[in-house]
Amino acid sequence: MKKIIIIVAGVLVLLGGGGAGVYFLKPDLLPAFIRPMDAAAGKDGKKTEAHIAEPEVGADLDVFVVNLAGPGPSRYLRTILSLAVKDEHDKEKIKEASGKIRHSVIMYLSERKAEDLSDLEGKNKVRQELLKKISEAVGDKKLVSNIYFKEFLIQ
């Protein structure tokens, strides 16, 4: 009886080791639903990605402090923005137009109410509108690809 248990255990260990060897060393032999994620690229070993993100350079703007609109006690917003551009040349264009950009941002933000900016949906809406305003101020709709809040404080 002991011999049968030892033989069965040995067979199971060999099968498990063989399966692990195939899984890690020859994953292309396995069906696609079992295959590891990094082996899904194919037999040539080259991974094909559906979307490759373009590199971005951040053009940081100075701090913005604006009074928010609305009744009641005065509330203000302090924020720091970073503009995503393609390269250092575009970053220099942003620096050259920083006066127009700051004016557009301050005028837009000072019209907002604290309630409009308190939730995630409101912040995302402001990001989209700021992207439009900054693109208009710079005069090139493709110069700035995204806007990031580095700091966002309402008091």
Protein backbone atom coordinates (compact mmCIF):
# COMPACT_ATOMS: atom_id res chain seq x y z
CA MET A 1 0.00 0.00 0.00
CA LYS A 2 2.86 2.35 0.80
CA LYS A 3 4.43 1.64 -2.58
CA ILE A 4 1.23 2.65 -4.40
CA ILE A 5 1.00 5.95 -2.50
CA ILE A 6 4.66 6.73 -3.22
CA ILE A 7 4.23 5.89 -6.92
CA VAL A 8 1.05 8.01 -7.22
CA ALA A 9 2.74 10.94 -5.43
CA GLY A 10 5.78 10.64 -7.72
CA VAL A 11 3.59 10.65 -10.83
CA LEU A 12 1.70 13.73 -9.58
CA VAL A 13 4.95 15.58 -8.89
CA LEU A 14 6.28 14.73 -12.36
CA LEU A 15 3.04 15.84 -14.04
CA GLY A 16 2.96 19.08 -12.02
CA GLY A 17 6.62 19.80 -12.83
CA GLY A 18 6.04 19.08 -16.52
CA GLY A 19 2.99 21.36 -16.58
CA ALA A 20 4.90 24.15 -14.85
CA GLY A 21 7.78 23.72 -17.28
CA VAL A 22 5.48 24.08 -20.28
CA TYR A 23 3.69 27.03 -18.69
CA PHE A 24 6.90 28.98 -18.02
CA LEU A 25 9.24 27.77 -20.78
CA LYS A 26 6.94 27.03 -23.75
CA PRO A 27 3.73 29.06 -23.20
CA ASP A 28 2.98 29.18 -26.93
CA LEU A 29 2.04 25.46 -26.73
CA LEU A 30 -0.83 26.29 -24.36
CA PRO A 31 -4.33 27.40 -25.40
CA ALA A 32 -4.81 31.18 -25.42
CA PHE A 33 -7.09 31.25 -22.36
CA ILE A 34 -4.41 29.54 -20.20
CA ARG A 35 -1.40 31.33 -21.66
CA PRO A 36 0.39 33.86 -19.40
CA MET A 37 -0.21 37.54 -20.24
CA ASP A 38 3.38 38.28 -21.32
CA ALA A 39 3.29 35.33 -23.73
CA ALA A 40 0.18 36.58 -25.50
CA ALA A 41 2.42 38.51 -27.86
CA GLY A 42 2.92 35.56 -30.15
CA LYS A 43 5.69 33.30 -31.39
CA ASP A 44 8.07 36.04 -32.53
CA GLY A 45 8.30 37.45 -28.99
CA LYS A 46 7.35 40.97 -30.04
CA LYS A 47 4.49 42.51 -28.16
CA THR A 48 1.97 44.50 -30.10
CA GLU A 49 0.33 47.27 -28.13
CA ALA A 50 -2.93 48.77 -29.28
CA HIS A 51 -2.14 52.23 -27.97
CA ILE A 52 1.29 53.66 -27.38
CA ALA A 53 1.18 56.89 -25.40
CA GLU A 54 3.17 59.74 -26.82
CA PRO A 55 5.74 61.19 -24.46
CA GLU A 56 4.72 64.39 -22.72
CA VAL A 57 6.66 67.27 -21.26
CA GLY A 58 5.09 69.16 -18.38
CA ALA A 59 5.02 72.95 -18.59
CA ASP A 60 4.30 74.05 -15.02
CA LEU A 61 2.53 77.33 -14.46
CA ASP A 62 2.90 79.53 -11.39
CA VAL A 63 0.41 79.40 -8.55
CA PHE A 64 -3.08 80.74 -9.22
CA VAL A 65 -5.03 82.28 -6.34
CA VAL A 66 -8.49 83.55 -7.29
CA ASN A 67 -11.61 84.66 -5.45
CA LEU A 68 -14.51 82.39 -6.29
CA ALA A 69 -17.93 83.71 -7.27
CA GLY A 70 -21.02 83.17 -5.18
CA PRO A 71 -22.92 84.59 -2.23
CA GLY A 72 -21.84 84.35 1.36
CA PRO A 73 -18.37 84.59 2.81
CA SER A 74 -15.44 85.04 0.45
CA ARG A 75 -13.96 81.78 -0.78
CA TYR A 76 -10.83 81.39 -2.80
CA LEU A 77 -9.13 78.77 -4.92
CA ARG A 78 -5.42 78.11 -4.92
CA THR A 79 -4.22 75.84 -7.69
CA ILE A 80 -1.11 74.92 -9.65
CA LEU A 81 -1.50 73.70 -13.21
CA SER A 82 0.82 71.64 -15.37
CA LEU A 83 0.24 71.71 -19.13
CA ALA A 84 1.16 68.62 -21.15
CA VAL A 85 3.04 69.49 -24.36
CA LYS A 86 4.99 67.38 -26.86
CA ASP A 87 8.54 68.65 -26.39
CA GLU A 88 10.81 71.34 -24.97
CA HIS A 89 10.18 73.63 -27.95
CA ASP A 90 6.45 73.66 -27.18
CA LYS A 91 7.29 74.27 -23.52
CA GLU A 92 9.11 77.45 -24.58
CA LYS A 93 6.02 78.54 -26.54
CA ILE A 94 4.00 78.15 -23.34
CA LYS A 95 6.47 80.32 -21.43
CA GLU A 96 6.26 83.00 -24.11
CA ALA A 97 2.46 83.05 -23.91
CA SER A 98 2.28 82.78 -20.13
CA GLY A 99 0.71 86.24 -19.73
CA LYS A 100 -2.21 85.41 -22.01
CA ILE A 101 -2.57 81.98 -20.43
CA ARG A 102 -2.61 83.35 -16.88
CA HIS A 103 -5.20 85.97 -17.85
CA SER A 104 -7.49 83.35 -19.40
CA VAL A 105 -7.16 81.00 -16.44
CA ILE A 106 -7.77 83.71 -13.83
CA MET A 107 -10.80 85.11 -15.67
CA TYR A 108 -12.32 81.65 -16.09
CA LEU A 109 -11.68 80.43 -12.54
CA SER A 110 -12.92 83.62 -10.89
CA GLU A 111 -16.36 83.02 -12.48
CA ARG A 112 -16.66 79.55 -10.87
CA LYS A 113 -18.48 78.83 -7.62
CA ALA A 114 -17.02 76.65 -4.87
CA GLU A 115 -19.92 74.23 -5.27
CA ASP A 116 -19.01 73.72 -8.94
CA LEU A 117 -15.49 72.67 -8.00
CA SER A 118 -16.13 70.47 -4.99
CA ASP A 119 -16.73 67.13 -6.73
CA LEU A 120 -14.73 65.13 -9.27
CA GLU A 121 -17.17 65.81 -12.10
CA GLY A 122 -16.84 69.56 -11.56
CA LYS A 123 -13.04 69.40 -11.54
CA ASN A 124 -13.00 67.40 -14.78
CA LYS A 125 -15.36 69.90 -16.40
CA VAL A 126 -13.06 72.74 -15.33
CA ARG A 127 -10.06 70.89 -16.79
CA GLN A 128 -11.81 70.55 -20.16
CA GLU A 129 -12.88 74.19 -20.20
CA LEU A 130 -9.41 75.35 -19.18
CA LEU A 131 -7.93 73.31 -22.02
CA LYS A 132 -10.20 75.18 -24.46
CA LYS A 133 -9.41 78.59 -22.92
CA ILE A 134 -5.66 77.99 -22.91
CA SER A 135 -5.72 76.70 -26.49
CA GLU A 136 -7.54 79.86 -27.53
CA ALA A 137 -5.06 82.05 -25.64
CA VAL A 138 -2.07 80.34 -27.25
CA GLY A 139 -3.69 80.28 -30.69
CA ASP A 140 -2.88 76.62 -31.34
CA LYS A 141 -5.43 73.94 -30.45
CA LYS A 142 -2.88 71.12 -30.62
CA LEU A 143 -0.10 72.69 -28.55
CA VAL A 144 -1.49 71.63 -25.16
CA SER A 145 -2.70 68.02 -25.05
CA ASN A 146 -3.80 67.85 -21.42
CA ILE A 147 -4.01 69.79 -18.16
CA TYR A 148 -3.10 68.41 -14.75
CA PHE A 149 -3.87 69.88 -11.35
CA LYS A 150 -0.73 69.70 -9.23
CA GLU A 151 -2.48 71.43 -6.35
CA PHE A 152 -6.14 72.24 -5.78
CA LEU A 153 -7.29 73.94 -2.59
CA ILE A 154 -10.60 75.70 -1.91
CA GLN A 155 -10.83 77.71 1.26
